[in-house]
C-alpha atoms as a PDB file:
ATOM      1  CA  MET A   1       1.534  -2.466 -24.403  1.00  0.00           C
ATOM      2  CA  ASN A   2       0.119   1.049 -23.999  1.00  0.00           C
ATOM      3  CA  LYS A   3      -0.816   2.252 -20.547  1.00  0.00           C
ATOM      4  CA  ILE A   4      -1.576   5.779 -19.336  1.00  0.00           C
ATOM      5  CA  TYR A   5      -0.964   6.736 -15.733  1.00  0.00           C
ATOM      6  CA  SER A   6      -2.114  10.141 -14.480  1.00  0.00           C
ATOM      7  CA  LEU A   7       0.148  11.830 -11.901  1.00  0.00           C
ATOM      8  CA  MET A   8      -0.016  15.028  -9.913  1.00  0.00           C
ATOM      9  CA  ALA A   9       2.823  17.517 -10.186  1.00  0.00           C
ATOM     10  CA  SER A  10       5.900  16.838  -8.084  1.00  0.00           C
ATOM     11  CA  ALA A  11       6.322  19.071  -5.050  1.00  0.00           C
ATOM     12  CA  GLY A  12       8.770  19.499  -2.205  1.00  0.00           C
ATOM     13  CA  LEU A  13      11.593  17.349  -3.639  1.00  0.00           C
ATOM     14  CA  LEU A  14      15.080  17.857  -2.263  1.00  0.00           C
ATOM     15  CA  LEU A  15      18.263  15.905  -2.918  1.00  0.00           C
ATOM     16  CA  SER A  16      19.949  16.534   0.386  1.00  0.00           C
ATOM     17  CA  GLY A  17      20.333  15.045   3.808  1.00  0.00           C
ATOM     18  CA  SER A  18      18.624  16.386   6.899  1.00  0.00           C
ATOM     19  CA  SER A  19      19.905  17.162  10.346  1.00  0.00           C
ATOM     20  CA  ALA A  20      16.485  16.380  11.814  1.00  0.00           C
ATOM     21  CA  SER A  21      15.955  13.284  13.928  1.00  0.00           C
ATOM     22  CA  ALA A  22      14.631  10.320  11.977  1.00  0.00           C
ATOM     23  CA  GLN A  23      12.445   7.300  12.674  1.00  0.00           C
ATOM     24  CA  MET A  24      12.827   4.218  10.475  1.00  0.00           C
ATOM     25  CA  LEU A  25       9.661   3.138   8.687  1.00  0.00           C
ATOM     26  CA  PRO A  26       8.538  -0.435   9.477  1.00  0.00           C
ATOM     27  CA  ASN A  27      11.227  -2.658   7.950  1.00  0.00           C
ATOM     28  CA  GLY A  28      12.591   0.395   6.144  1.00  0.00           C
ATOM     29  CA  ASN A  29      15.855  -1.386   5.462  1.00  0.00           C
ATOM     30  CA  PHE A  30      14.061  -4.442   3.991  1.00  0.00           C
ATOM     31  CA  GLU A  31      15.785  -7.154   6.006  1.00  0.00           C
ATOM     32  CA  THR A  32      12.871  -9.617   6.246  1.00  0.00           C
ATOM     33  CA  TRP A  33      11.621 -11.385   3.114  1.00  0.00           C
ATOM     34  CA  THR A  34       9.506 -14.392   2.195  1.00  0.00           C
ATOM     35  CA  GLY A  35       8.968 -15.897  -1.246  1.00  0.00           C
ATOM     36  CA  SER A  36      11.101 -15.804  -4.364  1.00  0.00           C
ATOM     37  CA  GLY A  37      11.218 -14.208  -7.801  1.00  0.00           C
ATOM     38  CA  THR A  38       8.572 -11.516  -8.140  1.00  0.00           C
ATOM     39  CA  SER A  39       6.217 -13.193  -5.626  1.00  0.00           C
ATOM     40  CA  ILE A  40       7.794 -11.673  -2.526  1.00  0.00           C
ATOM     41  CA  ALA A  41       6.374 -10.296   0.703  1.00  0.00           C
ATOM     42  CA  ILE A  42       8.531  -7.869   2.658  1.00  0.00           C
ATOM     43  CA  GLY A  43       8.293  -7.839   6.450  1.00  0.00           C
ATOM     44  CA  GLY A  44       6.811  -4.742   8.036  1.00  0.00           C
ATOM     45  CA  GLY A  45       3.751  -4.641   5.778  1.00  0.00           C
ATOM     46  CA  TRP A  46       5.334  -3.770   2.437  1.00  0.00           C
ATOM     47  CA  VAL A  47       3.673  -5.338  -0.603  1.00  0.00           C
ATOM     48  CA  GLY A  48       3.963  -4.732  -4.303  1.00  0.00           C
ATOM     49  CA  ASN A  49       4.424  -5.963  -7.820  1.00  0.00           C
ATOM     50  CA  GLY A  50       7.674  -6.850  -9.564  1.00  0.00           C
ATOM     51  CA  LEU A  51       9.713  -7.070  -6.350  1.00  0.00           C
ATOM     52  CA  LEU A  52      13.237  -8.487  -6.201  1.00  0.00           C
ATOM     53  CA  ARG A  53      15.438  -9.197  -3.182  1.00  0.00           C
ATOM     54  CA  LEU A  54      18.863  -7.708  -3.863  1.00  0.00           C
ATOM     55  CA  SER A  55      21.980  -7.847  -1.712  1.00  0.00           C
ATOM     56  CA  SER A  56      24.201  -6.003  -4.212  1.00  0.00           C
ATOM     57  CA  LEU A  57      24.263  -4.417  -7.676  1.00  0.00           C
ATOM     58  CA  ASN A  58      27.046  -3.956 -10.182  1.00  0.00           C
ATOM     59  CA  VAL A  59      27.144  -0.347 -11.392  1.00  0.00           C
ATOM     60  CA  ASN A  60      29.162   1.024 -14.293  1.00  0.00           C
ATOM     61  CA  THR A  61      31.030   4.181 -13.254  1.00  0.00           C
ATOM     62  CA  GLY A  62      33.694   6.410 -14.769  1.00  0.00           C
ATOM     63  CA  SER A  63      36.340   4.357 -12.985  1.00  0.00           C
ATOM     64  CA  GLY A  64      34.890   0.998 -14.032  1.00  0.00           C
ATOM     65  CA  THR A  65      32.374  -1.439 -12.589  1.00  0.00           C
ATOM     66  CA  GLU A  66      31.714  -1.099  -8.881  1.00  0.00           C
ATOM     67  CA  THR A  67      29.551  -3.167  -6.560  1.00  0.00           C
ATOM     68  CA  ARG A  68      26.951  -1.254  -4.582  1.00  0.00           C
ATOM     69  CA  VAL A  69      25.488  -2.668  -1.378  1.00  0.00           C
ATOM     70  CA  PRO A  70      22.497  -1.471   0.643  1.00  0.00           C
ATOM     71  CA  ALA A  71      22.925   1.812   2.442  1.00  0.00           C
ATOM     72  CA  ASP A  72      21.523   0.218   5.578  1.00  0.00           C
ATOM     73  CA  GLY A  73      20.548  -3.377   6.264  1.00  0.00           C
ATOM     74  CA  GLN A  74      21.065  -6.777   4.698  1.00  0.00           C
ATOM     75  CA  TYR A  75      18.969  -6.284   1.559  1.00  0.00           C
ATOM     76  CA  PHE A  76      17.352  -3.597  -0.479  1.00  0.00           C
ATOM     77  CA  VAL A  77      14.185  -3.921  -2.491  1.00  0.00           C
ATOM     78  CA  GLY A  78      14.542  -4.042  -6.257  1.00  0.00           C
ATOM     79  CA  LEU A  79      11.501  -2.939  -8.208  1.00  0.00           C
ATOM     80  CA  ARG A  80      10.836  -3.826 -11.864  1.00  0.00           C
ATOM     81  CA  ASN A  81       7.953  -3.572 -14.264  1.00  0.00           C
ATOM     82  CA  VAL A  82       6.524  -7.015 -15.004  1.00  0.00           C
ATOM     83  CA  ILE A  83       6.200  -7.933 -18.676  1.00  0.00           C
ATOM     84  CA  SER A  84       4.478 -11.042 -20.023  1.00  0.00           C
ATOM     85  CA  GLY A  85       4.429 -11.316 -23.795  1.00  0.00           C
ATOM     86  CA  THR A  86       3.004  -8.046 -25.137  1.00  0.00           C
ATOM     87  CA  SER A  87       1.309  -7.020 -21.885  1.00  0.00           C
ATOM     88  CA  GLY A  88       2.762  -5.495 -18.773  1.00  0.00           C
ATOM     89  CA  THR A  89       1.928  -4.164 -15.326  1.00  0.00           C
ATOM     90  CA  LEU A  90       3.399  -1.269 -13.442  1.00  0.00           C
ATOM     91  CA  GLY A  91       5.910  -2.212 -10.759  1.00  0.00           C
ATOM     92  CA  PHE A  92       5.228  -0.749  -7.315  1.00  0.00           C
ATOM     93  CA  ILE A  93       5.927  -1.158  -3.611  1.00  0.00           C
ATOM     94  CA  ARG A  94       3.496   0.108  -0.989  1.00  0.00           C
ATOM     95  CA  ASN A  95       2.921   0.242   2.762  1.00  0.00           C
ATOM     96  CA  ARG A  96       0.041   1.540   4.856  1.00  0.00           C
ATOM     97  CA  PHE A  97       0.516   1.927   8.594  1.00  0.00           C
ATOM     98  CA  ALA A  98      -0.476   3.924  11.665  1.00  0.00           C
ATOM     99  CA  PHE A  99       1.379   6.886  13.159  1.00  0.00           C
ATOM    100  CA  ASN A 100       0.770   9.689  15.623  1.00  0.00           C
ATOM    101  CA  GLN A 101       2.781  12.793  14.625  1.00  0.00           C
ATOM    102  CA  ARG A 102       3.336  15.011  11.613  1.00  0.00           C
ATOM    103  CA  PRO A 103       6.652  14.223   9.926  1.00  0.00           C
ATOM    104  CA  VAL A 104       8.707  17.003   8.357  1.00  0.00           C
ATOM    105  CA  SER A 105      10.034  14.837   5.532  1.00  0.00           C
ATOM    106  CA  MET A 106      10.461  11.300   4.271  1.00  0.00           C
ATOM    107  CA  ARG A 107      13.894  10.063   3.228  1.00  0.00           C
ATOM    108  CA  ALA A 108      15.143   7.055   1.290  1.00  0.00           C
ATOM    109  CA  ALA A 109      18.438   5.837  -0.122  1.00  0.00           C
ATOM    110  CA  SER A 110      17.701   5.266  -3.808  1.00  0.00           C
ATOM    111  CA  MET A 111      19.337   3.965  -6.969  1.00  0.00           C
ATOM    112  CA  PHE A 112      17.651   3.928 -10.376  1.00  0.00           C
ATOM    113  CA  PHE A 113      18.542   2.264 -13.697  1.00  0.00           C
ATOM    114  CA  ALA A 114      16.375   3.494 -16.556  1.00  0.00           C
ATOM    115  CA  GLY A 115      14.796   0.990 -18.927  1.00  0.00           C
ATOM    116  CA  THR A 116      16.621   0.830 -22.272  1.00  0.00           C
ATOM    117  CA  ALA A 117      13.421   0.355 -24.270  1.00  0.00           C
ATOM    118  CA  ALA A 118      11.004   2.624 -22.489  1.00  0.00           C
ATOM    119  CA  GLY A 119      13.164   5.016 -20.471  1.00  0.00           C
ATOM    120  CA  GLU A 120      10.997   4.853 -17.381  1.00  0.00           C
ATOM    121  CA  SER A 121      11.282   7.326 -14.560  1.00  0.00           C
ATOM    122  CA  TRP A 122      10.088   6.578 -11.048  1.00  0.00           C
ATOM    123  CA  GLY A 123       7.598   8.201  -8.784  1.00  0.00           C
ATOM    124  CA  PHE A 124       5.953   8.243  -5.392  1.00  0.00           C
ATOM    125  CA  ASN A 125       2.570   8.762  -3.803  1.00  0.00           C
ATOM    126  CA  ILE A 126       1.982   9.756  -0.175  1.00  0.00           C
ATOM    127  CA  LEU A 127      -1.435   9.991   1.467  1.00  0.00           C
ATOM    128  CA  PHE A 128      -2.051  11.029   5.092  1.00  0.00           C
ATOM    129  CA  LEU A 129      -5.494  10.434   6.628  1.00  0.00           C
ATOM    130  CA  LYS A 130      -7.212  11.342   9.895  1.00  0.00           C
ATOM    131  CA  ASN A 131     -10.069   9.289  11.346  1.00  0.00           C
ATOM    132  CA  LYS A 132     -13.344  11.218  11.611  1.00  0.00           C
ATOM    133  CA  THR A 133     -15.724  10.953  14.537  1.00  0.00           C
ATOM    134  CA  GLY A 134     -18.610   8.731  13.453  1.00  0.00           C
ATOM    135  CA  GLY A 135     -16.659   7.083  10.636  1.00  0.00           C
ATOM    136  CA  GLY A 136     -14.816   8.045   7.500  1.00  0.00           C
ATOM    137  CA  LYS A 137     -11.524   9.897   7.098  1.00  0.00           C
ATOM    138  CA  ASP A 138     -10.211  13.361   6.282  1.00  0.00           C
ATOM    139  CA  THR A 139      -7.284  13.789   3.913  1.00  0.00           C
ATOM    140  CA  ILE A 140      -4.598  15.823   5.667  1.00  0.00           C
ATOM    141  CA  LEU A 141      -1.866  15.496   3.035  1.00  0.00           C
ATOM    142  CA  ARG A 142      -1.741  14.169  -0.505  1.00  0.00           C
ATOM    143  CA  SER A 143       1.370  14.350  -2.670  1.00  0.00           C
ATOM    144  CA  SER A 144       2.390  12.579  -5.856  1.00  0.00           C
ATOM    145  CA  GLY A 145       5.223  13.153  -8.269  1.00  0.00           C
ATOM    146  CA  VAL A 146       7.647  11.704 -10.780  1.00  0.00           C
ATOM    147  CA  LEU A 147      11.375  12.119 -10.334  1.00  0.00           C
ATOM    148  CA  ASN A 148      13.589  12.443 -13.389  1.00  0.00           C
ATOM    149  CA  PRO A 149      16.197   9.668 -13.147  1.00  0.00           C
ATOM    150  CA  ALA A 150      18.901  12.114 -14.172  1.00  0.00           C
ATOM    151  CA  THR A 151      18.551  13.774 -10.761  1.00  0.00           C
ATOM    152  CA  VAL A 152      19.185  10.550  -8.823  1.00  0.00           C
ATOM    153  CA  SER A 153      22.771   9.364  -8.494  1.00  0.00           C
ATOM    154  CA  ASN A 154      23.822   6.032  -7.058  1.00  0.00           C
ATOM    155  CA  TRP A 155      22.586   5.826  -3.473  1.00  0.00           C
ATOM    156  CA  ALA A 156      21.415   9.408  -3.419  1.00  0.00           C
ATOM    157  CA  GLN A 157      19.700  10.399  -0.186  1.00  0.00           C
ATOM    158  CA  LEU A 158      16.320  11.445  -1.553  1.00  0.00           C
ATOM    159  CA  THR A 159      14.377  13.738   0.782  1.00  0.00           C
ATOM    160  CA  ILE A 160      10.703  14.527   0.146  1.00  0.00           C
ATOM    161  CA  GLY A 161       9.756  17.670   2.074  1.00  0.00           C
ATOM    162  CA  LEU A 162       6.252  17.603   3.571  1.00  0.00           C
ATOM    163  CA  THR A 163       5.799  20.731   5.701  1.00  0.00           C
ATOM    164  CA  THR A 164       4.276  22.848   2.925  1.00  0.00           C
ATOM    165  CA  LEU A 165       2.001  20.060   1.675  1.00  0.00           C
ATOM    166  CA  TYR A 166      -0.346  19.631   4.641  1.00  0.00           C
ATOM    167  CA  ASN A 167      -3.961  20.589   4.092  1.00  0.00           C
ATOM    168  CA  THR A 168      -4.454  23.991   5.751  1.00  0.00           C
ATOM    169  CA  GLN A 169      -8.017  22.965   6.617  1.00  0.00           C
ATOM    170  CA  PHE A 170      -6.598  20.875   9.498  1.00  0.00           C
ATOM    171  CA  PRO A 171      -3.967  23.016  11.260  1.00  0.00           C
ATOM    172  CA  GLY A 172      -2.122  21.121  13.963  1.00  0.00           C
ATOM    173  CA  VAL A 173      -4.024  17.864  13.376  1.00  0.00           C
ATOM    174  CA  ASN A 174      -1.858  14.749  13.447  1.00  0.00           C
ATOM    175  CA  PRO A 175      -2.626  11.979  10.920  1.00  0.00           C
ATOM    176  CA  ASP A 176      -3.656   8.459  11.884  1.00  0.00           C
ATOM    177  CA  THR A 177      -2.592   6.675   8.711  1.00  0.00           C
ATOM    178  CA  ALA A 178       0.225   6.872   6.185  1.00  0.00           C
ATOM    179  CA  ASP A 179      -0.082   5.303   2.736  1.00  0.00           C
ATOM    180  CA  VAL A 180       3.247   5.369   0.875  1.00  0.00           C
ATOM    181  CA  THR A 181       3.862   3.995  -2.628  1.00  0.00           C
ATOM    182  CA  PHE A 182       6.956   3.999  -4.847  1.00  0.00           C
ATOM    183  CA  PHE A 183       6.475   2.974  -8.464  1.00  0.00           C
ATOM    184  CA  LEU A 184       8.055   2.878 -11.900  1.00  0.00           C
ATOM    185  CA  THR A 185       6.288   4.927 -14.531  1.00  0.00           C
ATOM    186  CA  PRO A 186       6.452   4.775 -18.350  1.00  0.00           C
ATOM    187  CA  ASN A 187       7.851   7.466 -20.592  1.00  0.00           C
ATOM    188  CA  GLY A 188       5.798   9.929 -22.639  1.00  0.00           C
ATOM    189  CA  SER A 189       4.723   7.250 -25.118  1.00  0.00           C
ATOM    190  CA  SER A 190       3.208   5.267 -22.219  1.00  0.00           C
ATOM    191  CA  GLN A 191       5.458   2.288 -22.904  1.00  0.00           C
ATOM    192  CA  ILE A 192       6.902   0.151 -20.125  1.00  0.00           C
ATOM    193  CA  SER A 193       9.834  -2.248 -20.249  1.00  0.00           C
ATOM    194  CA  ALA A 194      11.285  -4.908 -17.998  1.00  0.00           C
ATOM    195  CA  THR A 195      14.773  -3.414 -18.021  1.00  0.00           C
ATOM    196  CA  GLY A 196      14.276  -0.506 -15.636  1.00  0.00           C
ATOM    197  CA  LEU A 197      15.189  -1.091 -11.995  1.00  0.00           C
ATOM    198  CA  LEU A 198      14.598   0.949  -8.861  1.00  0.00           C
ATOM    199  CA  ALA A 199      16.473  -0.016  -5.698  1.00  0.00           C
ATOM    200  CA  LEU A 200      15.355   1.434  -2.351  1.00  0.00           C
ATOM    201  CA  ASP A 201      16.700   1.171   1.158  1.00  0.00           C
ATOM    202  CA  ALA A 202      16.709   2.952   4.530  1.00  0.00           C
ATOM    203  CA  LEU A 203      13.294   4.652   4.386  1.00  0.00           C
ATOM    204  CA  THR A 204      12.797   7.043   7.288  1.00  0.00           C
ATOM    205  CA  TRP A 205      10.548   9.813   8.548  1.00  0.00           C
ATOM    206  CA  SER A 206      12.197  12.949   9.959  1.00  0.00           C
ATOM    207  CA  ASP A 207      11.002  14.446  13.275  1.00  0.00           C
ATOM    208  CA  PHE A 208       8.451  11.696  13.659  1.00  0.00           C
ATOM    209  CA  ALA A 209       7.255   8.953  15.998  1.00  0.00           C
ATOM    210  CA  LEU A 210       5.456   5.861  14.726  1.00  0.00           C
ATOM    211  CA  SER A 211       2.280   4.803  16.489  1.00  0.00           C
ATOM    212  CA  ASN A 212       2.105   1.643  18.556  1.00  0.00           C
ATOM    213  CA  LYS A 213      -1.441   0.902  17.445  1.00  0.00           C
ATOM    214  CA  PRO A 214      -1.805  -1.858  14.827  1.00  0.00           C
ATOM    215  CA  PHE A 215      -3.036  -1.131  11.338  1.00  0.00           C
ATOM    216  CA  GLU A 216      -4.089  -3.735   8.827  1.00  0.00           C
ATOM    217  CA  LEU A 217      -2.502  -3.279   5.408  1.00  0.00           C
ATOM    218  CA  ASP A 218      -5.873  -3.949   3.802  1.00  0.00           C
ATOM    219  CA  ALA A 219      -8.632  -1.689   5.102  1.00  0.00           C
ATOM    220  CA  LEU A 220     -10.945  -4.704   5.018  1.00  0.00           C
ATOM    221  CA  SER A 221     -10.067  -8.387   5.287  1.00  0.00           C
ATOM    222  CA  ALA A 222     -11.851 -11.259   3.543  1.00  0.00           C
ATOM    223  CA  LEU A 223     -15.008 -12.586   5.186  1.00  0.00           C
ATOM    224  CA  LYS A 224     -14.587 -15.790   7.197  1.00  0.00           C
ATOM    225  CA  VAL A 225     -17.841 -17.788   7.180  1.00  0.00           C
ATOM    226  CA  PHE A 226     -18.406 -20.969   9.200  1.00  0.00           C
ATOM    227  CA  PRO A 227     -19.926 -23.449   9.355  1.00  0.00           C
ATOM    228  CA  ASN A 228     -20.261 -23.432   5.597  1.00  0.00           C
ATOM    229  CA  PRO A 229     -22.267 -25.331   4.349  1.00  0.00           C
ATOM    230  CA  SER A 230     -24.830 -24.911   7.145  1.00  0.00           C
ATOM    231  CA  ALA A 231     -27.643 -27.331   7.903  1.00  0.00           C
ATOM    232  CA  GLY A 232     -29.804 -25.040  10.030  1.00  0.00           C
ATOM    233  CA  ALA A 233     -27.105 -23.993  12.490  1.00  0.00           C
ATOM    234  CA  PRO A 234     -26.269 -20.298  13.026  1.00  0.00           C
ATOM    235  CA  VAL A 235     -23.475 -19.099  10.737  1.00  0.00           C
ATOM    236  CA  ASN A 236     -20.623 -16.988  12.099  1.00  0.00           C
ATOM    237  CA  VAL A 237     -19.141 -14.181   9.972  1.00  0.00           C
ATOM    238  CA  HIS A 238     -15.772 -12.730  11.001  1.00  0.00           C
ATOM    239  CA  PHE A 239     -13.690  -9.971   9.419  1.00  0.00           C
ATOM    240  CA  GLN A 240     -11.113  -7.347  10.325  1.00  0.00           C
ATOM    241  CA  SER A 241     -10.984  -3.698   9.323  1.00  0.00           C
ATOM    242  CA  GLY A 242      -8.212  -1.140   9.544  1.00  0.00           C
ATOM    243  CA  MET A 243     -10.716   1.702   9.880  1.00  0.00           C
ATOM    244  CA  SER A 244     -14.035   2.447  11.559  1.00  0.00           C
ATOM    245  CA  GLY A 245     -17.037   3.678   9.609  1.00  0.00           C
ATOM    246  CA  ASN A 246     -20.629   3.017   8.599  1.00  0.00           C
ATOM    247  CA  GLY A 247     -21.279  -0.389   7.127  1.00  0.00           C
ATOM    248  CA  THR A 248     -23.949  -2.881   6.100  1.00  0.00           C
ATOM    249  CA  LEU A 249     -23.818  -6.667   6.300  1.00  0.00           C
ATOM    250  CA  ALA A 250     -26.595  -8.331   4.297  1.00  0.00           C
ATOM    251  CA  LEU A 251     -27.678 -11.664   2.830  1.00  0.00           C
ATOM    252  CA  TYR A 252     -28.730 -11.921  -0.854  1.00  0.00           C
ATOM    253  CA  ASP A 253     -29.934 -14.733  -3.056  1.00  0.00           C
ATOM    254  CA  MET A 254     -27.953 -15.587  -6.185  1.00  0.00           C
ATOM    255  CA  GLN A 255     -30.232 -13.365  -8.298  1.00  0.00           C
ATOM    256  CA  GLY A 256     -29.154 -10.362  -6.249  1.00  0.00           C
ATOM    257  CA  LYS A 257     -32.408 -10.003  -4.269  1.00  0.00           C
ATOM    258  CA  LEU A 258     -32.014  -8.862  -0.670  1.00  0.00           C
ATOM    259  CA  VAL A 259     -33.031 -11.664   1.708  1.00  0.00           C
ATOM    260  CA  ARG A 260     -32.073 -10.158   5.056  1.00  0.00           C
ATOM    261  CA  THR A 261     -30.133  -7.186   6.454  1.00  0.00           C
ATOM    262  CA  ILE A 262     -27.964  -8.589   9.230  1.00  0.00           C
ATOM    263  CA  TYR A 263     -26.508  -5.317  10.495  1.00  0.00           C
ATOM    264  CA  GLU A 264     -26.475  -1.677   9.455  1.00  0.00           C
ATOM    265  CA  GLY A 265     -24.616   1.019  11.373  1.00  0.00           C
ATOM    266  CA  VAL A 266     -21.176   1.992  12.656  1.00  0.00           C
ATOM    267  CA  MET A 267     -18.528  -0.735  12.513  1.00  0.00           C
ATOM    268  CA  GLU A 268     -15.446  -0.139  14.639  1.00  0.00           C
ATOM    269  CA  SER A 269     -11.927  -0.862  13.431  1.00  0.00           C
ATOM    270  CA  GLY A 270     -10.395  -4.177  14.430  1.00  0.00           C
ATOM    271  CA  HIS A 271     -12.140  -7.548  14.622  1.00  0.00           C
ATOM    272  CA  SER A 272     -15.920  -7.860  14.059  1.00  0.00           C
ATOM    273  CA  HIS A 273     -18.204 -10.866  14.538  1.00  0.00           C
ATOM    274  CA  PHE A 274     -21.828 -11.374  13.424  1.00  0.00           C
ATOM    275  CA  ASN A 275     -24.291 -14.301  13.486  1.00  0.00           C
ATOM    276  CA  ILE A 276     -26.666 -15.267  10.664  1.00  0.00           C
ATOM    277  CA  GLN A 277     -29.660 -17.446  11.522  1.00  0.00           C
ATOM    278  CA  THR A 278     -30.292 -19.939   8.700  1.00  0.00           C
ATOM    279  CA  VAL A 279     -33.482 -21.514  10.103  1.00  0.00           C
ATOM    280  CA  GLY A 280     -36.288 -20.884   7.613  1.00  0.00           C
ATOM    281  CA  LEU A 281     -34.000 -20.225   4.651  1.00  0.00           C
ATOM    282  CA  ASN A 282     -34.569 -22.248   1.514  1.00  0.00           C
ATOM    283  CA  LYS A 283     -31.827 -24.679   0.555  1.00  0.00           C
ATOM    284  CA  GLY A 284     -29.322 -23.325  -1.921  1.00  0.00           C
ATOM    285  CA  LEU A 285     -26.583 -20.763  -2.391  1.00  0.00           C
ATOM    286  CA  TYR A 286     -26.604 -17.248  -0.909  1.00  0.00           C
ATOM    287  CA  LEU A 287     -24.285 -14.286  -1.065  1.00  0.00           C
ATOM    288  CA  ILE A 288     -23.070 -12.503   2.077  1.00  0.00           C
ATOM    289  CA  ARG A 289     -22.090  -8.942   1.211  1.00  0.00           C
ATOM    290  CA  LEU A 290     -20.278  -6.470   3.447  1.00  0.00           C
ATOM    291  CA  GLN A 291     -20.349  -2.824   2.338  1.00  0.00           C
ATOM    292  CA  HIS A 292     -17.985  -0.772   4.466  1.00  0.00           C
ATOM    293  CA  ALA A 293     -16.030   2.472   4.475  1.00  0.00           C
ATOM    294  CA  GLY A 294     -12.957   0.331   3.756  1.00  0.00           C
ATOM    295  CA  GLY A 295     -14.469  -1.378   0.714  1.00  0.00           C
ATOM    296  CA  VAL A 296     -16.805  -4.233  -0.266  1.00  0.00           C
ATOM    297  CA  LYS A 297     -16.298  -7.905   0.501  1.00  0.00           C
ATOM    298  CA  GLU A 298     -18.453 -10.894  -0.491  1.00  0.00           C
ATOM    299  CA  ALA A 299     -18.592 -14.577   0.388  1.00  0.00           C
ATOM    300  CA  ARG A 300     -20.882 -17.442  -0.661  1.00  0.00           C
ATOM    301  CA  LEU A 301     -22.964 -19.403   1.852  1.00  0.00           C
ATOM    302  CA  SER A 302     -24.442 -22.820   1.155  1.00  0.00           C
ATOM    303  CA  VAL A 303     -27.590 -23.802   3.112  1.00  0.00           C
ATOM    304  CA  LEU A 304     -28.382 -27.548   3.187  1.00  0.00           C
END
C-alpha cells in the first residue's frame, strides 16, 4: 500500500524537561477509556485511529527485558497503523479543545517502537486558532514535524518548544482553540506496517491555563431533524457548533434544486435551532443542507 503524506519541517524540538509550571491536557494521562481493540474512545475528547489501551510494555534493553509502565496514570495510549489485507490507514490520535493563554511548550512522555517492515517514524501537528469578530478564525500558530525514532528513548520527556513559532501578525493575542495530533508516518518509500507502536502518556502544557469554556471536538455536529417524516407539521432542525461564523441553512429537492433558504447569516457557537414549514411542499424526499464555517452537514427530510 503506497501512501504519501506531506509534512512541514520540524521546529522547536527539545529532548529535555522544563522547570516551568505545567497544566495537564484533558485526560493527558489517558485514564478513561471506552471500547475495545482499535475502536476506542479516550475520555477528555481524544479520538483517533489504531488506538490501543496499554497498561504496560515489555522492552528489550541491554540488561534484558524490562517492563515499562505509564509515566503518569493508569494507562497510556498505544498507537498503531491499521492494516487490512494490502491496504492501510495512518494511525493517529487527536484532540481539539479550548484554552485561554499562550503556552511556552507542550510535553509528553513517549516511547516508540519502529515498524520492522516499514521503519515508520512518528510526528505531530499543532494548530492554534483565534476567533475573529463576525466569524471565522485567525491562525496564531501552526507547527508540524516528524521526529526520528532514534532520538526518542524509552519514556523520554519530549518537549516541543512553541515560543518562536507564534505568528508575529498577532503579538500578545491568546488563542481560543488548540488542535493537537500525534501520528505514525511511513518511511521514505511511503510504506506503512502494523508493527510500529507509539506509546504516549502525561501530555502537558507549560506555563498555561486551560479554558473553562466547552469546545466540541467536531466543529459541527450532525443535523437532528424531527418530526421526520412530516405530514404538514413544522420540522425542527437542531445542531451544535464549536465555532461561530457565517452560515446558510437551506432546503433542496433530490435533484439539487434550491427550494427554500431557511436562514443565511451569522451562526453563533453552541446549540442552534431552526424551524422549517412544510405546508405547501410536494410529497417526497428533500435534502436539508447546512453550510457553515465549521463544515457542511446534510440530512434527508421526508414529507408525507
